[in-house]
Amino acid sequence: MTSQNIDEEKLNTAMPLRQGPVELQVEAGDPNKPRNWPKVSKWIVTLILSGFAFIQAFSETMLAPVQQPLSVDLAISKSYQWVLVNSLILIGVGVGPLVIDPVSELYGRRIAILSGSAVFILWNTCCGFAFTLNQMLAFRLLAGFGACTADAVAAPLLGPGVGPIAGAYISSAISWRWVLWITSIACATVFVIALFFLQETYEPRLAYLGRSQESQSSPEFSWSPYKQSTTVGSLNYISAAIGYIVGVQVAGHLNDKVYAKLKARGSDNKGCPEFRVPVMFIGTLLIPTGLLFGGWTGERHLHWGLPNIGCMIFTAGCYVCSSPVSVYVIDAYTKYGASAISTNLALRSIFSALFPLFAPYMFQAVGFGWGATILAGGFSIIGFVTMLVLWFFGARIRQKSNYCATDSA
């Protein structure tokens, strides 16, 4: 073998030939691998899946022998209406796998089977309570979206053949409605058993769960420059709490004091919402200061107390800034203040929910220092521009609104 062949062989073993998404697999000898399970575990999973497959496929044909009583109760007079009642579920069964299959590949077979079965139980039960044709058609279609898990995951064969037989006996002995309800009861029974005994069998999902458990059981934060354990690292949030406490005291005192002084300077001794803006200025200075101090001291791996000081300054600034904003909104909208505050809180919550979607990737890409600088710069620009607009043009803007007060007491 020549040196060129050896180099090519090393290159082929070191680099994948096909680029694509990373595929997680359970190691061949891992006892968590489904193929390595004990026979009892394999049989339990097989029986549970068989139960789901049989019952849900059973529901596709069980109404075939109950045409007469069902048509009378639901006032079905045309043949095509009955055909829809009997077969509309198949549309849901056909379309449902477009959602269920990707879900099973992303989150595993177990969650797909349980969620689909829950949907089937709900809407199949509703079919038994239908009193109009439209209700029955809607419920059957929705039940099909849940029943598709049988076809998408377990590939049933026997259920469609037994369905008409059982449907005929149940309807003749009790009622056609009980054909639906007994099916739901049977599926719910299997569902409860599956909650406790159905294990995940999709290997990429098992590998992902295994990695998650390893990272959660690790005593150290792998990304932390200070190598603090989970319990010790959680103590850093004390600085955030202290900052909020300080911010409450500062904002509460300054809000009233600054407002009273500005109000006293006026010739008419009247206040206005814009008198809340100066306190916002203090908070808008504290927030980027805390971000920059905490971000760069953490970036340089300085003493762990320094980033905590930055965090304390940041959280204090958050409250010193948000408190006068809330009071400004109340002063501006007076009797509509509750609605205005709720809008403010809704926007704040939306941004709070969206921020964690990109922030970790930003800090990972540029580091704590530059990440904090980006946030501080963006906040400073938005904050100071907003305050200048409110201070110089706030009264004019409020005059154009039918809901804002022109001044305050």
Protein backbone atom coordinates (compact mmCIF):
# COMPACT_ATOMS: atom_id res chain seq x y z
CA MET A 1 0.00 0.00 0.00
CA THR A 2 1.46 3.33 -1.05
CA SER A 3 1.70 6.41 1.15
CA GLN A 4 -0.87 8.12 -1.08
CA ASN A 5 -3.39 5.33 -0.43
CA ILE A 6 -2.71 5.53 3.30
CA ASP A 7 -3.30 9.28 3.29
CA GLU A 8 -6.55 8.85 1.35
CA GLU A 9 -7.73 6.18 3.77
CA LYS A 10 -7.00 8.43 6.75
CA LEU A 11 -8.84 11.27 5.07
CA ASN A 12 -11.90 9.11 4.37
CA THR A 13 -12.08 7.86 7.93
CA ALA A 14 -11.55 11.29 9.43
CA MET A 15 -14.15 13.15 7.35
CA PRO A 16 -17.67 12.08 6.39
CA LEU A 17 -18.29 11.62 2.68
CA ARG A 18 -21.77 13.11 2.85
CA GLN A 19 -22.45 16.43 4.52
CA GLY A 20 -25.72 16.67 6.35
CA PRO A 21 -27.33 16.99 9.75
CA VAL A 22 -25.58 15.30 12.64
CA GLU A 23 -27.22 11.97 13.40
CA LEU A 24 -27.10 10.75 16.97
CA GLN A 25 -26.98 7.00 17.50
CA VAL A 26 -26.97 4.76 20.53
CA GLU A 27 -23.82 2.66 20.82
CA ALA A 28 -24.22 -0.94 19.73
CA GLY A 29 -23.58 -2.41 23.18
CA ASP A 30 -25.65 0.11 25.08
CA PRO A 31 -28.34 -1.63 27.19
CA ASN A 32 -30.66 1.30 26.40
CA LYS A 33 -30.61 0.36 22.72
CA PRO A 34 -34.05 -1.18 21.94
CA ARG A 35 -32.47 -4.19 20.23
CA ASN A 36 -30.62 -4.96 23.47
CA TRP A 37 -33.70 -4.79 25.70
CA PRO A 38 -34.87 -7.88 27.58
CA LYS A 39 -37.60 -9.85 25.83
CA VAL A 40 -40.16 -8.76 28.41
CA SER A 41 -39.58 -5.09 27.58
CA LYS A 42 -39.81 -5.79 23.87
CA TRP A 43 -43.10 -7.65 24.30
CA ILE A 44 -44.59 -4.88 26.43
CA VAL A 45 -43.86 -2.28 23.76
CA THR A 46 -45.13 -4.60 21.03
CA LEU A 47 -48.42 -5.29 22.82
CA ILE A 48 -49.05 -1.62 23.60
CA LEU A 49 -48.42 -0.59 20.00
CA SER A 50 -50.56 -3.46 18.77
CA GLY A 51 -53.38 -2.29 21.03
CA PHE A 52 -53.22 1.25 19.68
CA ALA A 53 -52.97 0.01 16.10
CA PHE A 54 -55.91 -2.37 16.44
CA ILE A 55 -58.27 0.06 18.18
CA GLN A 56 -57.55 3.10 16.06
CA ALA A 57 -57.74 1.17 12.80
CA PHE A 58 -60.87 -0.51 14.13
CA SER A 59 -62.52 2.93 14.28
CA GLU A 60 -62.11 3.47 10.55
CA THR A 61 -64.67 0.81 9.63
CA MET A 62 -66.74 0.28 12.79
CA LEU A 63 -69.64 2.48 11.63
CA ALA A 64 -70.25 0.50 8.44
CA PRO A 65 -73.03 -1.71 9.92
CA VAL A 66 -74.81 1.10 11.83
CA GLN A 67 -76.03 3.08 8.83
CA GLN A 68 -79.72 2.64 9.62
CA PRO A 69 -79.90 3.89 13.24
CA LEU A 70 -77.26 6.55 12.74
CA SER A 71 -79.01 7.95 9.66
CA VAL A 72 -82.28 8.22 11.55
CA ASP A 73 -80.74 10.03 14.52
CA LEU A 74 -78.71 12.47 12.43
CA ALA A 75 -81.35 13.00 9.72
CA ILE A 76 -79.14 11.66 6.95
CA SER A 77 -81.21 11.35 3.77
CA LYS A 78 -78.66 11.22 0.99
CA SER A 79 -76.26 8.40 0.25
CA TYR A 80 -73.23 10.66 -0.17
CA GLN A 81 -73.82 12.05 3.33
CA TRP A 82 -73.52 8.59 4.78
CA VAL A 83 -70.41 7.92 2.72
CA LEU A 84 -68.83 11.04 4.24
CA VAL A 85 -69.72 9.96 7.78
CA ASN A 86 -68.20 6.56 7.24
CA SER A 87 -65.07 7.57 5.34
CA LEU A 88 -64.19 11.18 6.22
CA ILE A 89 -61.97 9.87 9.00
CA LEU A 90 -59.70 8.47 6.29
CA ILE A 91 -58.85 11.98 5.12
CA GLY A 92 -57.54 12.75 8.59
CA VAL A 93 -55.70 9.44 8.60
CA GLY A 94 -54.11 10.35 5.26
CA VAL A 95 -53.15 13.93 6.11
CA GLY A 96 -52.19 13.38 9.75
CA PRO A 97 -48.90 11.55 9.06
CA LEU A 98 -47.58 14.71 7.41
CA VAL A 99 -47.45 16.09 10.95
CA ILE A 100 -47.11 12.96 13.08
CA ASP A 101 -44.13 11.48 11.20
CA PRO A 102 -41.90 14.57 11.50
CA VAL A 103 -42.91 14.87 15.15
CA SER A 104 -41.91 11.26 15.76
CA GLU A 105 -38.53 11.91 14.15
CA LEU A 106 -37.90 15.09 16.10
CA TYR A 107 -39.28 14.18 19.51
CA GLY A 108 -39.46 10.40 19.37
CA ARG A 109 -42.08 7.72 18.75
CA ARG A 110 -43.49 7.80 22.26
CA ILE A 111 -44.64 11.42 22.24
CA ALA A 112 -46.08 11.02 18.74
CA ILE A 113 -48.10 7.95 19.68
CA LEU A 114 -49.37 9.38 22.97
CA SER A 115 -50.29 12.78 21.55
CA GLY A 116 -52.03 11.26 18.53
CA SER A 117 -53.93 8.80 20.69
CA ALA A 118 -55.07 11.60 23.00
CA VAL A 119 -56.43 13.49 19.99
CA PHE A 120 -58.24 10.37 18.80
CA ILE A 121 -59.79 9.65 22.21
CA LEU A 122 -61.07 13.22 22.53
CA TRP A 123 -62.71 13.56 19.13
CA ASN A 124 -63.91 9.98 18.83
CA THR A 125 -65.74 10.46 22.13
CA CYS A 126 -67.26 13.67 20.75
CA CYS A 127 -68.55 11.67 17.78
CA GLY A 128 -70.74 9.73 20.18
CA PHE A 129 -72.31 13.00 21.36
CA ALA A 130 -72.98 14.35 17.85
CA PHE A 131 -76.59 15.31 17.15
CA THR A 132 -76.20 16.81 13.69
CA LEU A 133 -74.54 15.69 10.49
CA ASN A 134 -72.10 18.60 10.51
CA GLN A 135 -70.98 17.79 14.04
CA MET A 136 -70.38 14.17 13.13
CA LEU A 137 -68.39 15.07 10.01
CA ALA A 138 -66.19 17.54 11.89
CA PHE A 139 -65.53 15.14 14.78
CA ARG A 140 -64.78 12.20 12.48
CA LEU A 141 -62.27 14.26 10.51
CA LEU A 142 -60.51 15.43 13.68
CA ALA A 143 -60.50 11.89 15.09
CA GLY A 144 -58.73 10.80 11.93
CA PHE A 145 -55.82 13.12 12.67
CA GLY A 146 -55.30 11.17 15.89
CA ALA A 147 -56.04 7.73 14.47
CA CYS A 148 -53.31 8.22 11.89
CA THR A 149 -50.68 7.26 14.47
CA ALA A 150 -51.72 3.67 13.97
CA ASP A 151 -50.89 3.83 10.27
CA ALA A 152 -47.91 6.17 10.64
CA VAL A 153 -46.09 4.29 13.39
CA ALA A 154 -47.47 0.80 13.88
CA ALA A 155 -48.93 -0.22 10.47
CA PRO A 156 -52.12 -2.07 11.54
CA LEU A 157 -53.74 -4.89 9.57
CA LEU A 158 -56.41 -6.61 11.69
CA GLY A 159 -58.44 -3.67 13.00
CA PRO A 160 -60.26 -2.71 9.78
CA GLY A 161 -61.53 -6.26 9.37
CA VAL A 162 -62.83 -6.64 12.93
CA GLY A 163 -64.35 -3.16 13.11
CA PRO A 164 -67.61 -3.86 11.24
CA ILE A 165 -68.20 -7.10 13.17
CA ALA A 166 -67.82 -5.50 16.59
CA GLY A 167 -69.79 -2.44 15.45
CA ALA A 168 -72.74 -4.56 14.44
CA TYR A 169 -72.91 -6.47 17.73
CA ILE A 170 -72.47 -3.38 19.92
CA SER A 171 -75.06 -1.31 18.06
CA SER A 172 -77.64 -4.09 18.12
CA ALA A 173 -77.11 -4.73 21.83
CA ILE A 174 -76.90 -1.11 23.05
CA SER A 175 -76.67 1.85 20.64
CA TRP A 176 -74.58 3.06 17.75
CA ARG A 177 -73.19 5.77 20.05
CA TRP A 178 -71.67 3.12 22.28
CA VAL A 179 -69.73 1.80 19.30
CA LEU A 180 -67.78 5.05 19.49
CA TRP A 181 -67.65 5.34 23.26
CA ILE A 182 -66.47 1.76 23.84
CA THR A 183 -63.72 2.35 21.29
CA SER A 184 -62.64 5.47 23.17
CA ILE A 185 -62.72 3.63 26.50
CA ALA A 186 -60.57 0.83 25.08
CA CYS A 187 -58.09 3.30 23.60
CA ALA A 188 -57.98 5.28 26.86
CA THR A 189 -57.18 2.07 28.73
CA VAL A 190 -54.23 1.37 26.46
CA PHE A 191 -53.24 5.05 26.74
CA VAL A 192 -53.01 4.84 30.54
CA ILE A 193 -50.92 1.67 30.30
CA ALA A 194 -48.66 3.35 27.74
CA LEU A 195 -48.07 6.33 30.02
CA PHE A 196 -46.36 4.04 32.51
CA PHE A 197 -44.86 1.27 30.39
CA LEU A 198 -44.29 2.51 26.83
CA GLN A 199 -40.61 3.30 26.37
CA GLU A 200 -38.99 5.37 23.65
CA THR A 201 -37.64 3.23 20.78
CA TYR A 202 -36.28 5.85 18.37
CA GLU A 203 -32.50 5.64 18.68
CA PRO A 204 -31.58 9.26 17.77
CA ARG A 205 -34.02 10.45 20.43
CA LEU A 206 -32.56 8.01 22.96
CA ALA A 207 -29.06 9.26 22.15
CA TYR A 208 -30.19 12.87 22.58
CA LEU A 209 -31.84 12.11 25.92
CA GLY A 210 -28.70 10.32 27.04
CA ARG A 211 -26.57 13.35 26.20
CA SER A 212 -29.00 15.67 27.97
CA GLN A 213 -28.88 13.55 31.12
CA GLU A 214 -25.08 13.54 31.01
CA SER A 215 -24.92 17.30 30.72
CA GLN A 216 -27.49 17.74 33.48
CA SER A 217 -25.69 15.35 35.81
CA SER A 218 -22.32 17.04 35.24
CA PRO A 219 -21.26 18.92 38.37
CA GLU A 220 -19.78 21.86 36.42
CA PHE A 221 -20.95 24.33 33.80
CA SER A 222 -18.89 23.50 30.74
CA TRP A 223 -19.36 27.04 29.37
CA SER A 224 -18.57 28.86 32.60
CA PRO A 225 -15.11 30.47 32.77
CA TYR A 226 -15.26 30.11 36.56
CA LYS A 227 -15.97 26.34 36.57
CA GLN A 228 -18.64 26.67 39.24
CA SER A 229 -20.91 23.80 40.15
CA THR A 230 -24.64 24.04 39.58
CA THR A 231 -25.37 24.85 43.21
CA VAL A 232 -22.57 27.38 43.59
CA GLY A 233 -23.36 28.97 40.24
CA SER A 234 -26.97 29.48 41.26
CA LEU A 235 -25.79 31.75 44.08
CA ASN A 236 -24.78 34.34 41.48
CA TYR A 237 -28.46 35.21 41.17
CA ILE A 238 -28.24 36.77 44.64
CA SER A 239 -26.58 39.77 43.00
CA ALA A 240 -29.56 40.14 40.65
CA ALA A 241 -31.94 40.06 43.62
CA ILE A 242 -29.89 42.67 45.49
CA GLY A 243 -29.93 44.88 42.41
CA TYR A 244 -33.72 44.70 42.17
CA ILE A 245 -34.08 45.55 45.87
CA VAL A 246 -31.79 48.57 45.47
CA GLY A 247 -33.63 49.58 42.31
CA VAL A 248 -37.00 49.51 44.07
CA GLN A 249 -35.74 51.82 46.81
CA VAL A 250 -34.03 54.23 44.42
CA ALA A 251 -36.87 54.39 41.91
CA GLY A 252 -39.57 54.81 44.55
CA HIS A 253 -37.72 57.72 46.16
CA LEU A 254 -36.63 59.47 42.97
CA ASN A 255 -39.96 59.15 41.16
CA ASP A 256 -41.81 61.24 43.72
CA LYS A 257 -38.96 63.62 44.57
CA VAL A 258 -38.05 64.57 40.99
CA TYR A 259 -41.70 64.88 39.99
CA ALA A 260 -42.45 67.19 42.93
CA LYS A 261 -39.44 69.43 42.19
CA LEU A 262 -40.28 69.81 38.49
CA LYS A 263 -43.92 70.43 39.33
CA ALA A 264 -42.96 73.18 41.80
CA ARG A 265 -40.87 74.96 39.16
CA GLY A 266 -43.87 75.52 36.92
CA SER A 267 -45.85 78.73 37.16
CA ASP A 268 -49.18 76.89 37.22
CA ASN A 269 -47.95 74.26 39.70
CA LYS A 270 -49.20 71.48 37.43
CA GLY A 271 -47.46 68.27 36.63
CA CYS A 272 -47.26 66.28 33.42
CA PRO A 273 -46.18 62.72 32.52
CA GLU A 274 -42.93 64.02 31.02
CA PHE A 275 -41.70 64.84 34.53
CA ARG A 276 -41.06 61.08 34.89
CA VAL A 277 -38.44 61.10 32.12
CA PRO A 278 -35.41 62.29 34.19
CA VAL A 279 -35.55 59.17 36.36
CA MET A 280 -35.65 57.06 33.19
CA PHE A 281 -32.37 58.75 32.26
CA ILE A 282 -30.70 57.41 35.42
CA GLY A 283 -31.90 53.88 34.70
CA THR A 284 -30.83 54.13 31.08
CA LEU A 285 -27.31 54.98 32.26
CA LEU A 286 -27.17 52.15 34.80
CA ILE A 287 -28.27 49.38 32.41
CA PRO A 288 -25.44 49.68 29.83
CA THR A 289 -22.96 50.37 32.65
CA GLY A 290 -23.88 47.11 34.34
CA LEU A 291 -23.81 45.21 31.05
CA LEU A 292 -20.37 46.50 30.08
CA PHE A 293 -18.87 46.03 33.55
CA GLY A 294 -20.24 42.52 33.98
CA GLY A 295 -19.57 41.42 30.40
CA TRP A 296 -15.96 42.51 30.16
CA THR A 297 -14.92 41.41 33.66
CA GLY A 298 -16.39 38.01 32.86
CA GLU A 299 -14.68 38.00 29.46
CA ARG A 300 -11.30 38.63 31.14
CA HIS A 301 -11.96 35.97 33.78
CA LEU A 302 -11.49 38.45 36.60
CA HIS A 303 -12.69 37.72 40.12
CA TRP A 304 -16.20 36.26 40.10
CA GLY A 305 -17.45 39.08 42.32
CA LEU A 306 -16.91 41.67 39.58
CA PRO A 307 -19.43 40.22 37.09
CA ASN A 308 -21.86 39.99 39.99
CA ILE A 309 -21.39 43.69 40.69
CA GLY A 310 -22.15 44.34 37.03
CA CYS A 311 -25.27 42.17 37.29
CA MET A 312 -26.38 44.11 40.37
CA ILE A 313 -25.95 47.45 38.58
CA PHE A 314 -27.83 46.08 35.56
CA THR A 315 -30.86 44.79 37.49
CA ALA A 316 -31.02 47.96 39.59
CA GLY A 317 -31.04 49.96 36.37
CA CYS A 318 -33.79 47.77 34.94
CA TYR A 319 -36.14 48.67 37.76
CA VAL A 320 -35.07 52.33 37.93
CA CYS A 321 -35.90 52.53 34.21
CA SER A 322 -39.08 50.44 34.10
CA SER A 323 -40.71 51.99 37.17
CA PRO A 324 -40.97 55.55 35.77
CA VAL A 325 -42.05 54.08 32.43
CA SER A 326 -45.01 52.41 34.14
CA VAL A 327 -45.88 55.58 36.06
CA TYR A 328 -45.56 57.63 32.86
CA VAL A 329 -48.05 55.34 31.13
CA ILE A 330 -50.50 55.66 34.02
CA ASP A 331 -50.15 59.46 34.09
CA ALA A 332 -50.59 59.66 30.33
CA TYR A 333 -53.63 57.39 29.99
CA THR A 334 -55.27 58.05 33.40
CA LYS A 335 -58.55 56.06 33.34
CA TYR A 336 -57.21 53.81 30.58
CA GLY A 337 -54.03 53.22 32.54
CA ALA A 338 -54.78 49.57 33.31
CA SER A 339 -55.15 48.70 29.63
CA ALA A 340 -52.02 50.67 28.73
CA ILE A 341 -50.00 48.96 31.47
CA SER A 342 -51.19 45.53 30.30
CA THR A 343 -49.99 46.36 26.78
CA ASN A 344 -46.65 47.43 28.21
CA LEU A 345 -46.35 44.18 30.16
CA ALA A 346 -47.35 42.13 27.11
CA LEU A 347 -44.62 43.71 24.99
CA ARG A 348 -42.08 43.21 27.77
CA SER A 349 -43.06 39.54 28.09
CA ILE A 350 -42.81 38.99 24.34
CA PHE A 351 -39.29 40.41 24.22
CA SER A 352 -38.37 38.40 27.32
CA ALA A 353 -39.53 35.23 25.55
CA LEU A 354 -37.75 36.02 22.28
CA PHE A 355 -34.43 37.19 23.74
CA PRO A 356 -33.24 33.74 24.95
CA LEU A 357 -33.71 32.41 21.41
CA PHE A 358 -30.69 34.34 20.09
CA ALA A 359 -28.73 35.62 23.10
CA PRO A 360 -26.83 32.37 23.89
CA TYR A 361 -25.71 32.07 20.27
CA MET A 362 -24.59 35.70 20.21
CA PHE A 363 -22.50 35.32 23.38
CA GLN A 364 -21.07 32.07 22.07
CA ALA A 365 -20.08 33.72 18.79
CA VAL A 366 -18.60 37.02 20.01
CA GLY A 367 -17.93 36.38 23.70
CA PHE A 368 -19.36 37.90 26.86
CA GLY A 369 -17.58 41.23 26.44
CA TRP A 370 -18.62 42.06 22.90
CA GLY A 371 -22.05 40.50 23.41
CA ALA A 372 -22.66 42.80 26.36
CA THR A 373 -21.32 45.72 24.32
CA ILE A 374 -23.79 45.04 21.52
CA LEU A 375 -26.67 44.91 23.98
CA ALA A 376 -25.49 48.02 25.84
CA GLY A 377 -25.07 49.98 22.62
CA GLY A 378 -28.44 48.95 21.22
CA PHE A 379 -30.23 49.73 24.45
CA SER A 380 -28.50 53.09 24.83
CA ILE A 381 -29.48 54.23 21.35
CA ILE A 382 -33.11 53.16 21.73
CA GLY A 383 -33.36 54.39 25.32
CA PHE A 384 -31.87 57.85 24.88
CA VAL A 385 -33.72 58.51 21.62
CA THR A 386 -37.01 57.50 23.26
CA MET A 387 -36.38 59.75 26.26
CA LEU A 388 -35.53 62.75 24.08
CA VAL A 389 -38.69 62.22 22.03
CA LEU A 390 -40.82 61.98 25.18
CA TRP A 391 -39.20 65.01 26.83
CA PHE A 392 -39.48 67.36 23.86
CA PHE A 393 -42.47 65.99 21.96
CA GLY A 394 -44.39 63.91 24.53
CA ALA A 395 -47.07 66.52 25.21
CA ARG A 396 -47.61 67.10 21.51
CA ILE A 397 -47.94 63.38 20.87
CA ARG A 398 -50.44 62.97 23.70
CA GLN A 399 -52.60 65.76 22.34
CA LYS A 400 -53.16 63.74 19.17
CA SER A 401 -54.60 60.80 21.13
CA ASN A 402 -58.21 60.57 22.25
CA TYR A 403 -57.20 58.42 25.21
CA CYS A 404 -54.29 60.39 26.68
CA ALA A 405 -54.54 63.14 29.29
CA THR A 406 -53.05 66.50 28.33
CA ASP A 407 -51.65 67.10 31.83
CA SER A 408 -51.59 65.68 35.34
CA ALA A 409 -52.42 67.03 38.74
